[in-house]
PDB file of N, CA and C in Angstrom:
ATOM      1  N   MET A   1      13.948 -26.633  23.174  1.00  0.00           N
ATOM      2  CA  MET A   1      14.696 -25.479  23.608  1.00  0.00           C
ATOM      3  C   MET A   1      13.720 -24.451  24.145  1.00  0.00           C
ATOM      4  N   LYS A   2      14.075 -23.856  25.230  1.00  0.00           N
ATOM      5  CA  LYS A   2      13.243 -22.818  25.822  1.00  0.00           C
ATOM      6  C   LYS A   2      13.699 -21.469  25.279  1.00  0.00           C
ATOM      7  N   THR A   3      12.715 -20.633  24.875  1.00  0.00           N
ATOM      8  CA  THR A   3      13.039 -19.326  24.315  1.00  0.00           C
ATOM      9  C   THR A   3      11.960 -18.321  24.683  1.00  0.00           C
ATOM     10  N   ALA A   4      12.277 -17.065  24.614  1.00  0.00           N
ATOM     11  CA  ALA A   4      11.300 -16.003  24.889  1.00  0.00           C
ATOM     12  C   ALA A   4      11.084 -15.215  23.604  1.00  0.00           C
ATOM     13  N   ILE A   5       9.806 -15.001  23.258  1.00  0.00           N
ATOM     14  CA  ILE A   5       9.474 -14.239  22.048  1.00  0.00           C
ATOM     15  C   ILE A   5       8.332 -13.280  22.378  1.00  0.00           C
ATOM     16  N   TRP A   6       8.159 -12.263  21.528  1.00  0.00           N
ATOM     17  CA  TRP A   6       7.055 -11.333  21.670  1.00  0.00           C
ATOM     18  C   TRP A   6       6.009 -11.686  20.633  1.00  0.00           C
ATOM     19  N   ILE A   7       4.756 -11.795  21.058  1.00  0.00           N
ATOM     20  CA  ILE A   7       3.634 -12.104  20.172  1.00  0.00           C
ATOM     21  C   ILE A   7       2.549 -11.067  20.447  1.00  0.00           C
ATOM     22  N   PRO A   8       1.970 -10.478  19.409  1.00  0.00           N
ATOM     23  CA  PRO A   8       0.884  -9.519  19.623  1.00  0.00           C
ATOM     24  C   PRO A   8      -0.256 -10.152  20.429  1.00  0.00           C
ATOM     25  N   ASP A   9      -0.892  -9.346  21.247  1.00  0.00           N
ATOM     26  CA  ASP A   9      -1.964  -9.843  22.116  1.00  0.00           C
ATOM     27  C   ASP A   9      -3.046 -10.599  21.346  1.00  0.00           C
ATOM     28  N   ALA A  10      -3.466 -10.059  20.218  1.00  0.00           N
ATOM     29  CA  ALA A  10      -4.540 -10.697  19.448  1.00  0.00           C
ATOM     30  C   ALA A  10      -4.125 -12.092  18.981  1.00  0.00           C
ATOM     31  N   VAL A  11      -2.899 -12.233  18.512  1.00  0.00           N
ATOM     32  CA  VAL A  11      -2.409 -13.533  18.049  1.00  0.00           C
ATOM     33  C   VAL A  11      -2.298 -14.488  19.235  1.00  0.00           C
ATOM     34  N   PHE A  12      -1.780 -13.999  20.353  1.00  0.00           N
ATOM     35  CA  PHE A  12      -1.656 -14.832  21.543  1.00  0.00           C
ATOM     36  C   PHE A  12      -3.021 -15.333  22.003  1.00  0.00           C
ATOM     37  N   ASN A  13      -4.006 -14.433  22.035  1.00  0.00           N
ATOM     38  CA  ASN A  13      -5.351 -14.817  22.485  1.00  0.00           C
ATOM     39  C   ASN A  13      -5.958 -15.879  21.569  1.00  0.00           C
ATOM     40  N   GLU A  14      -5.785 -15.720  20.264  1.00  0.00           N
ATOM     41  CA  GLU A  14      -6.310 -16.716  19.327  1.00  0.00           C
ATOM     42  C   GLU A  14      -5.566 -18.043  19.470  1.00  0.00           C
ATOM     43  N   ALA A  15      -4.264 -17.976  19.677  1.00  0.00           N
ATOM     44  CA  ALA A  15      -3.473 -19.193  19.854  1.00  0.00           C
ATOM     45  C   ALA A  15      -3.902 -19.916  21.133  1.00  0.00           C
ATOM     46  N   GLU A  16      -4.121 -19.154  22.183  1.00  0.00           N
ATOM     47  CA  GLU A  16      -4.560 -19.740  23.453  1.00  0.00           C
ATOM     48  C   GLU A  16      -5.921 -20.418  23.287  1.00  0.00           C
ATOM     49  N   TRP A  17      -6.837 -19.765  22.574  1.00  0.00           N
ATOM     50  CA  TRP A  17      -8.162 -20.333  22.309  1.00  0.00           C
ATOM     51  C   TRP A  17      -8.032 -21.618  21.499  1.00  0.00           C
ATOM     52  N   LEU A  18      -7.206 -21.577  20.441  1.00  0.00           N
ATOM     53  CA  LEU A  18      -7.037 -22.761  19.590  1.00  0.00           C
ATOM     54  C   LEU A  18      -6.385 -23.904  20.366  1.00  0.00           C
ATOM     55  N   ALA A  19      -5.427 -23.602  21.199  1.00  0.00           N
ATOM     56  CA  ALA A  19      -4.772 -24.636  22.003  1.00  0.00           C
ATOM     57  C   ALA A  19      -5.797 -25.324  22.902  1.00  0.00           C
ATOM     58  N   ARG A  20      -6.644 -24.532  23.564  1.00  0.00           N
ATOM     59  CA  ARG A  20      -7.684 -25.126  24.425  1.00  0.00           C
ATOM     60  C   ARG A  20      -8.640 -25.973  23.595  1.00  0.00           C
ATOM     61  N   ARG A  21      -9.045 -25.439  22.449  1.00  0.00           N
ATOM     62  CA  ARG A  21     -10.012 -26.137  21.579  1.00  0.00           C
ATOM     63  C   ARG A  21      -9.463 -27.463  21.072  1.00  0.00           C
ATOM     64  N   THR A  22      -8.174 -27.511  20.782  1.00  0.00           N
ATOM     65  CA  THR A  22      -7.573 -28.733  20.228  1.00  0.00           C
ATOM     66  C   THR A  22      -6.934 -29.618  21.294  1.00  0.00           C
ATOM     67  N   GLY A  23      -6.952 -29.161  22.551  1.00  0.00           N
ATOM     68  CA  GLY A  23      -6.391 -29.962  23.629  1.00  0.00           C
ATOM     69  C   GLY A  23      -4.876 -30.018  23.625  1.00  0.00           C
ATOM     70  N   LYS A  24      -4.248 -28.975  23.087  1.00  0.00           N
ATOM     71  CA  LYS A  24      -2.794 -28.915  23.036  1.00  0.00           C
ATOM     72  C   LYS A  24      -2.300 -27.836  23.992  1.00  0.00           C
ATOM     73  N   SER A  25      -1.039 -27.971  24.377  1.00  0.00           N
ATOM     74  CA  SER A  25      -0.426 -26.893  25.144  1.00  0.00           C
ATOM     75  C   SER A  25      -0.020 -25.800  24.158  1.00  0.00           C
ATOM     76  N   LEU A  26       0.215 -24.602  24.665  1.00  0.00           N
ATOM     77  CA  LEU A  26       0.692 -23.526  23.792  1.00  0.00           C
ATOM     78  C   LEU A  26       2.028 -23.903  23.158  1.00  0.00           C
ATOM     79  N   SER A  27       2.875 -24.571  23.909  1.00  0.00           N
ATOM     80  CA  SER A  27       4.170 -24.993  23.363  1.00  0.00           C
ATOM     81  C   SER A  27       3.982 -25.931  22.178  1.00  0.00           C
ATOM     82  N   GLN A  28       3.065 -26.890  22.325  1.00  0.00           N
ATOM     83  CA  GLN A  28       2.787 -27.814  21.215  1.00  0.00           C
ATOM     84  C   GLN A  28       2.247 -27.065  20.007  1.00  0.00           C
ATOM     85  N   LEU A  29       1.321 -26.144  20.254  1.00  0.00           N
ATOM     86  CA  LEU A  29       0.726 -25.373  19.165  1.00  0.00           C
ATOM     87  C   LEU A  29       1.776 -24.548  18.434  1.00  0.00           C
ATOM     88  N   TYR A  30       2.614 -23.843  19.196  1.00  0.00           N
ATOM     89  CA  TYR A  30       3.655 -23.019  18.580  1.00  0.00           C
ATOM     90  C   TYR A  30       4.666 -23.873  17.826  1.00  0.00           C
ATOM     91  N   ALA A  31       5.072 -24.992  18.404  1.00  0.00           N
ATOM     92  CA  ALA A  31       6.045 -25.871  17.740  1.00  0.00           C
ATOM     93  C   ALA A  31       5.478 -26.400  16.425  1.00  0.00           C
ATOM     94  N   GLN A  32       4.206 -26.805  16.441  1.00  0.00           N
ATOM     95  CA  GLN A  32       3.578 -27.303  15.218  1.00  0.00           C
ATOM     96  C   GLN A  32       3.449 -26.184  14.190  1.00  0.00           C
ATOM     97  N   ALA A  33       3.068 -25.003  14.628  1.00  0.00           N
ATOM     98  CA  ALA A  33       2.917 -23.873  13.703  1.00  0.00           C
ATOM     99  C   ALA A  33       4.251 -23.516  13.061  1.00  0.00           C
ATOM    100  N   ILE A  34       5.311 -23.486  13.851  1.00  0.00           N
ATOM    101  CA  ILE A  34       6.642 -23.158  13.309  1.00  0.00           C
ATOM    102  C   ILE A  34       7.083 -24.245  12.325  1.00  0.00           C
ATOM    103  N   ALA A  35       6.850 -25.520  12.685  1.00  0.00           N
ATOM    104  CA  ALA A  35       7.232 -26.624  11.795  1.00  0.00           C
ATOM    105  C   ALA A  35       6.509 -26.521  10.455  1.00  0.00           C
ATOM    106  N   GLU A  36       5.201 -26.207  10.483  1.00  0.00           N
ATOM    107  CA  GLU A  36       4.439 -26.056   9.243  1.00  0.00           C
ATOM    108  C   GLU A  36       4.925 -24.855   8.434  1.00  0.00           C
ATOM    109  N   TYR A  37       5.242 -23.769   9.107  1.00  0.00           N
ATOM    110  CA  TYR A  37       5.760 -22.574   8.435  1.00  0.00           C
ATOM    111  C   TYR A  37       7.079 -22.893   7.735  1.00  0.00           C
ATOM    112  N   ILE A  38       7.949 -23.577   8.437  1.00  0.00           N
ATOM    113  CA  ILE A  38       9.251 -23.945   7.869  1.00  0.00           C
ATOM    114  C   ILE A  38       9.054 -24.860   6.660  1.00  0.00           C
ATOM    115  N   ALA A  39       8.163 -25.836   6.774  1.00  0.00           N
ATOM    116  CA  ALA A  39       7.919 -26.762   5.663  1.00  0.00           C
ATOM    117  C   ALA A  39       7.420 -26.022   4.425  1.00  0.00           C
ATOM    118  N   ARG A  40       6.558 -25.015   4.625  1.00  0.00           N
ATOM    119  CA  ARG A  40       6.046 -24.242   3.489  1.00  0.00           C
ATOM    120  C   ARG A  40       7.109 -23.355   2.867  1.00  0.00           C
ATOM    121  N   HIS A  41       8.026 -22.861   3.668  1.00  0.00           N
ATOM    122  CA  HIS A  41       8.998 -21.901   3.175  1.00  0.00           C
ATOM    123  C   HIS A  41      10.348 -22.509   2.811  1.00  0.00           C
ATOM    124  N   LEU A  42      10.499 -23.781   2.997  1.00  0.00           N
ATOM    125  CA  LEU A  42      11.738 -24.459   2.608  1.00  0.00           C
ATOM    126  C   LEU A  42      11.423 -25.647   1.699  1.00  0.00           C
ATOM    127  N   PRO A  43      10.818 -25.397   0.532  1.00  0.00           N
ATOM    128  CA  PRO A  43      10.438 -26.521  -0.333  1.00  0.00           C
ATOM    129  C   PRO A  43      11.629 -27.349  -0.792  1.00  0.00           C
ATOM    130  N   ASP A  44      12.803 -26.744  -0.876  1.00  0.00           N
ATOM    131  CA  ASP A  44      13.974 -27.502  -1.304  1.00  0.00           C
ATOM    132  C   ASP A  44      14.388 -28.537  -0.266  1.00  0.00           C
ATOM    133  N   ALA A  45      13.951 -28.374   0.968  1.00  0.00           N
ATOM    134  CA  ALA A  45      14.313 -29.321   2.019  1.00  0.00           C
ATOM    135  C   ALA A  45      13.761 -30.712   1.707  1.00  0.00           C
ATOM    136  N   VAL A  46      12.572 -30.777   1.115  1.00  0.00           N
ATOM    137  CA  VAL A  46      11.981 -32.069   0.753  1.00  0.00           C
ATOM    138  C   VAL A  46      12.833 -32.734  -0.326  1.00  0.00           C
ATOM    139  N   THR A  47      13.203 -31.964  -1.332  1.00  0.00           N
ATOM    140  CA  THR A  47      14.040 -32.506  -2.401  1.00  0.00           C
ATOM    141  C   THR A  47      15.374 -32.970  -1.856  1.00  0.00           C
ATOM    142  N   GLU A  48      15.976 -32.176  -0.987  1.00  0.00           N
ATOM    143  CA  GLU A  48      17.259 -32.549  -0.397  1.00  0.00           C
ATOM    144  C   GLU A  48      17.126 -33.829   0.421  1.00  0.00           C
ATOM    145  N   ALA A  49      16.041 -33.968   1.167  1.00  0.00           N
ATOM    146  CA  ALA A  49      15.827 -35.176   1.968  1.00  0.00           C
ATOM    147  C   ALA A  49      15.646 -36.393   1.070  1.00  0.00           C
ATOM    148  N   MET A  50      14.889 -36.223  -0.011  1.00  0.00           N
ATOM    149  CA  MET A  50      14.692 -37.341  -0.938  1.00  0.00           C
ATOM    150  C   MET A  50      16.001 -37.717  -1.619  1.00  0.00           C
ATOM    151  N   ASP A  51      16.788 -36.714  -2.008  1.00  0.00           N
ATOM    152  CA  ASP A  51      18.096 -36.985  -2.604  1.00  0.00           C
ATOM    153  C   ASP A  51      18.992 -37.741  -1.637  1.00  0.00           C
ATOM    154  N   ALA A  52      18.956 -37.361  -0.373  1.00  0.00           N
ATOM    155  CA  ALA A  52      19.786 -38.031   0.633  1.00  0.00           C
ATOM    156  C   ALA A  52      19.380 -39.499   0.777  1.00  0.00           C
ATOM    157  N   VAL A  53      18.080 -39.755   0.777  1.00  0.00           N
ATOM    158  CA  VAL A  53      17.599 -41.135   0.870  1.00  0.00           C
ATOM    159  C   VAL A  53      18.047 -41.931  -0.353  1.00  0.00           C
ATOM    160  N   CYS A  54      17.892 -41.341  -1.525  1.00  0.00           N
ATOM    161  CA  CYS A  54      18.309 -42.024  -2.761  1.00  0.00           C
ATOM    162  C   CYS A  54      19.805 -42.312  -2.745  1.00  0.00           C
ATOM    163  N   ASN A  55      20.589 -41.357  -2.274  1.00  0.00           N
ATOM    164  CA  ASN A  55      22.034 -41.561  -2.197  1.00  0.00           C
ATOM    165  C   ASN A  55      22.389 -42.675  -1.224  1.00  0.00           C
ATOM    166  N   ARG A  56      21.669 -42.750  -0.095  1.00  0.00           N
ATOM    167  CA  ARG A  56      21.921 -43.806   0.883  1.00  0.00           C
ATOM    168  C   ARG A  56      21.556 -45.169   0.326  1.00  0.00           C
ATOM    169  N   LEU A  57      20.482 -45.215  -0.482  1.00  0.00           N
ATOM    170  CA  LEU A  57      20.037 -46.492  -1.036  1.00  0.00           C
ATOM    171  C   LEU A  57      20.934 -46.981  -2.160  1.00  0.00           C
ATOM    172  N   GLY A  58      21.644 -46.083  -2.779  1.00  0.00           N
ATOM    173  CA  GLY A  58      22.523 -46.477  -3.875  1.00  0.00           C
ATOM    174  C   GLY A  58      21.848 -46.330  -5.217  1.00  0.00           C
ATOM    175  N   SER A  59      22.548 -46.733  -6.227  1.00  0.00           N
ATOM    176  CA  SER A  59      22.048 -46.531  -7.584  1.00  0.00           C
ATOM    177  C   SER A  59      21.626 -47.822  -8.266  1.00  0.00           C
ATOM    178  N   ASP A  60      21.424 -48.899  -7.492  1.00  0.00           N
ATOM    179  CA  ASP A  60      20.959 -50.145  -8.096  1.00  0.00           C
ATOM    180  C   ASP A  60      19.606 -49.900  -8.740  1.00  0.00           C
ATOM    181  N   SER A  61      19.507 -50.214 -10.008  1.00  0.00           N
ATOM    182  CA  SER A  61      18.292 -49.944 -10.754  1.00  0.00           C
ATOM    183  C   SER A  61      17.444 -51.204 -10.861  1.00  0.00           C
ATOM    184  N   ASP A  62      16.160 -51.042 -10.641  1.00  0.00           N
ATOM    185  CA  ASP A  62      15.208 -52.129 -10.812  1.00  0.00           C
ATOM    186  C   ASP A  62      14.695 -52.023 -12.247  1.00  0.00           C
ATOM    187  N   GLY A  63      15.084 -52.960 -13.087  1.00  0.00           N
ATOM    188  CA  GLY A  63      14.730 -52.914 -14.497  1.00  0.00           C
ATOM    189  C   GLY A  63      13.234 -52.853 -14.727  1.00  0.00           C
ATOM    190  N   PHE A  64      12.468 -53.652 -13.981  1.00  0.00           N
ATOM    191  CA  PHE A  64      11.023 -53.672 -14.151  1.00  0.00           C
ATOM    192  C   PHE A  64      10.420 -52.312 -13.808  1.00  0.00           C
ATOM    193  N   ALA A  65      10.846 -51.739 -12.669  1.00  0.00           N
ATOM    194  CA  ALA A  65      10.310 -50.445 -12.247  1.00  0.00           C
ATOM    195  C   ALA A  65      10.665 -49.357 -13.252  1.00  0.00           C
ATOM    196  N   SER A  66      11.881 -49.401 -13.773  1.00  0.00           N
ATOM    197  CA  SER A  66      12.295 -48.398 -14.762  1.00  0.00           C
ATOM    198  C   SER A  66      11.470 -48.510 -16.035  1.00  0.00           C
ATOM    199  N   ALA A  67      11.247 -49.734 -16.488  1.00  0.00           N
ATOM    200  CA  ALA A  67      10.459 -49.939 -17.708  1.00  0.00           C
ATOM    201  C   ALA A  67       9.011 -49.496 -17.505  1.00  0.00           C
ATOM    202  N   ALA A  68       8.446 -49.811 -16.358  1.00  0.00           N
ATOM    203  CA  ALA A  68       7.066 -49.416 -16.067  1.00  0.00           C
ATOM    204  C   ALA A  68       6.951 -47.900 -15.995  1.00  0.00           C
ATOM    205  N   ALA A  69       7.908 -47.262 -15.355  1.00  0.00           N
ATOM    206  CA  ALA A  69       7.886 -45.800 -15.260  1.00  0.00           C
ATOM    207  C   ALA A  69       8.019 -45.179 -16.642  1.00  0.00           C
ATOM    208  N   ARG A  70       8.900 -45.712 -17.456  1.00  0.00           N
ATOM    209  CA  ARG A  70       9.107 -45.182 -18.811  1.00  0.00           C
ATOM    210  C   ARG A  70       7.816 -45.281 -19.619  1.00  0.00           C
ATOM    211  N   LYS A  71       7.131 -46.449 -19.567  1.00  0.00           N
ATOM    212  CA  LYS A  71       5.879 -46.622 -20.310  1.00  0.00           C
ATOM    213  C   LYS A  71       4.807 -45.660 -19.823  1.00  0.00           C
ATOM    214  N   THR A  72       4.736 -45.464 -18.525  1.00  0.00           N
ATOM    215  CA  THR A  72       3.753 -44.539 -17.969  1.00  0.00           C
ATOM    216  C   THR A  72       4.023 -43.118 -18.436  1.00  0.00           C
ATOM    217  N   LEU A  73       5.288 -42.708 -18.409  1.00  0.00           N
ATOM    218  CA  LEU A  73       5.641 -41.355 -18.831  1.00  0.00           C
ATOM    219  C   LEU A  73       5.405 -41.149 -20.318  1.00  0.00           C
ATOM    220  N   GLU A  74       5.626 -42.189 -21.123  1.00  0.00           N
ATOM    221  CA  GLU A  74       5.411 -42.063 -22.566  1.00  0.00           C
ATOM    222  C   GLU A  74       3.941 -41.836 -22.894  1.00  0.00           C
ATOM    223  N   LYS A  75       3.044 -42.323 -22.046  1.00  0.00           N
ATOM    224  CA  LYS A  75       1.608 -42.174 -22.285  1.00  0.00           C
ATOM    225  C   LYS A  75       1.080 -40.803 -21.866  1.00  0.00           C
ATOM    226  N   GLN A  76       1.855 -40.058 -21.113  1.00  0.00           N
ATOM    227  CA  GLN A  76       1.406 -38.762 -20.583  1.00  0.00           C
ATOM    228  C   GLN A  76       1.485 -37.678 -21.657  1.00  0.00           C
ATOM    229  N   THR A  77       0.522 -36.772 -21.589  1.00  0.00           N
ATOM    230  CA  THR A  77       0.613 -35.566 -22.408  1.00  0.00           C
ATOM    231  C   THR A  77       1.104 -34.458 -21.500  1.00  0.00           C
ATOM    232  N   TRP A  78       2.068 -33.743 -21.976  1.00  0.00           N
ATOM    233  CA  TRP A  78       2.713 -32.710 -21.166  1.00  0.00           C
ATOM    234  C   TRP A  78       2.262 -31.358 -21.658  1.00  0.00           C
ATOM    235  N   ASP A  79       1.243 -30.815 -20.997  1.00  0.00           N
ATOM    236  CA  ASP A  79       0.737 -29.492 -21.345  1.00  0.00           C
ATOM    237  C   ASP A  79       1.562 -28.432 -20.634  1.00  0.00           C
ATOM    238  N   ARG A  80       1.926 -27.442 -21.373  1.00  0.00           N
ATOM    239  CA  ARG A  80       2.699 -26.345 -20.788  1.00  0.00           C
ATOM    240  C   ARG A  80       1.746 -25.236 -20.404  1.00  0.00           C
ATOM    241  N   ALA A  81       1.829 -24.798 -19.167  1.00  0.00           N
ATOM    242  CA  ALA A  81       0.943 -23.726 -18.696  1.00  0.00           C
ATOM    243  C   ALA A  81       1.336 -22.425 -19.393  1.00  0.00           C
ATOM    244  N   ILE A  82       0.328 -21.728 -19.857  1.00  0.00           N
ATOM    245  CA  ILE A  82       0.559 -20.441 -20.517  1.00  0.00           C
ATOM    246  C   ILE A  82       0.213 -19.338 -19.528  1.00  0.00           C
ATOM    247  N   PRO A  83       1.171 -18.455 -19.239  1.00  0.00           N
ATOM    248  CA  PRO A  83       0.897 -17.386 -18.264  1.00  0.00           C
ATOM    249  C   PRO A  83      -0.126 -16.403 -18.745  1.00  0.00           C
TER     250      PRO A  83
END
């Protein structure tokens, strides 16, 4: 999608320098930067995507995998962080 935005001169100049240095167009650089920003600020999106995949795959349980996971978890010590 084509859009118009305002960017401070200093940020634009640094973005232009980085784009040249990495061999990317400004559009590629901005798109990647926005995608990374969104990924950092929408952590629930990963969980939602994983839930969607699990729902699509169904609830068939692999007995061996469940038993192995259970044994691994039983061996773990769960330290609670103290603020």
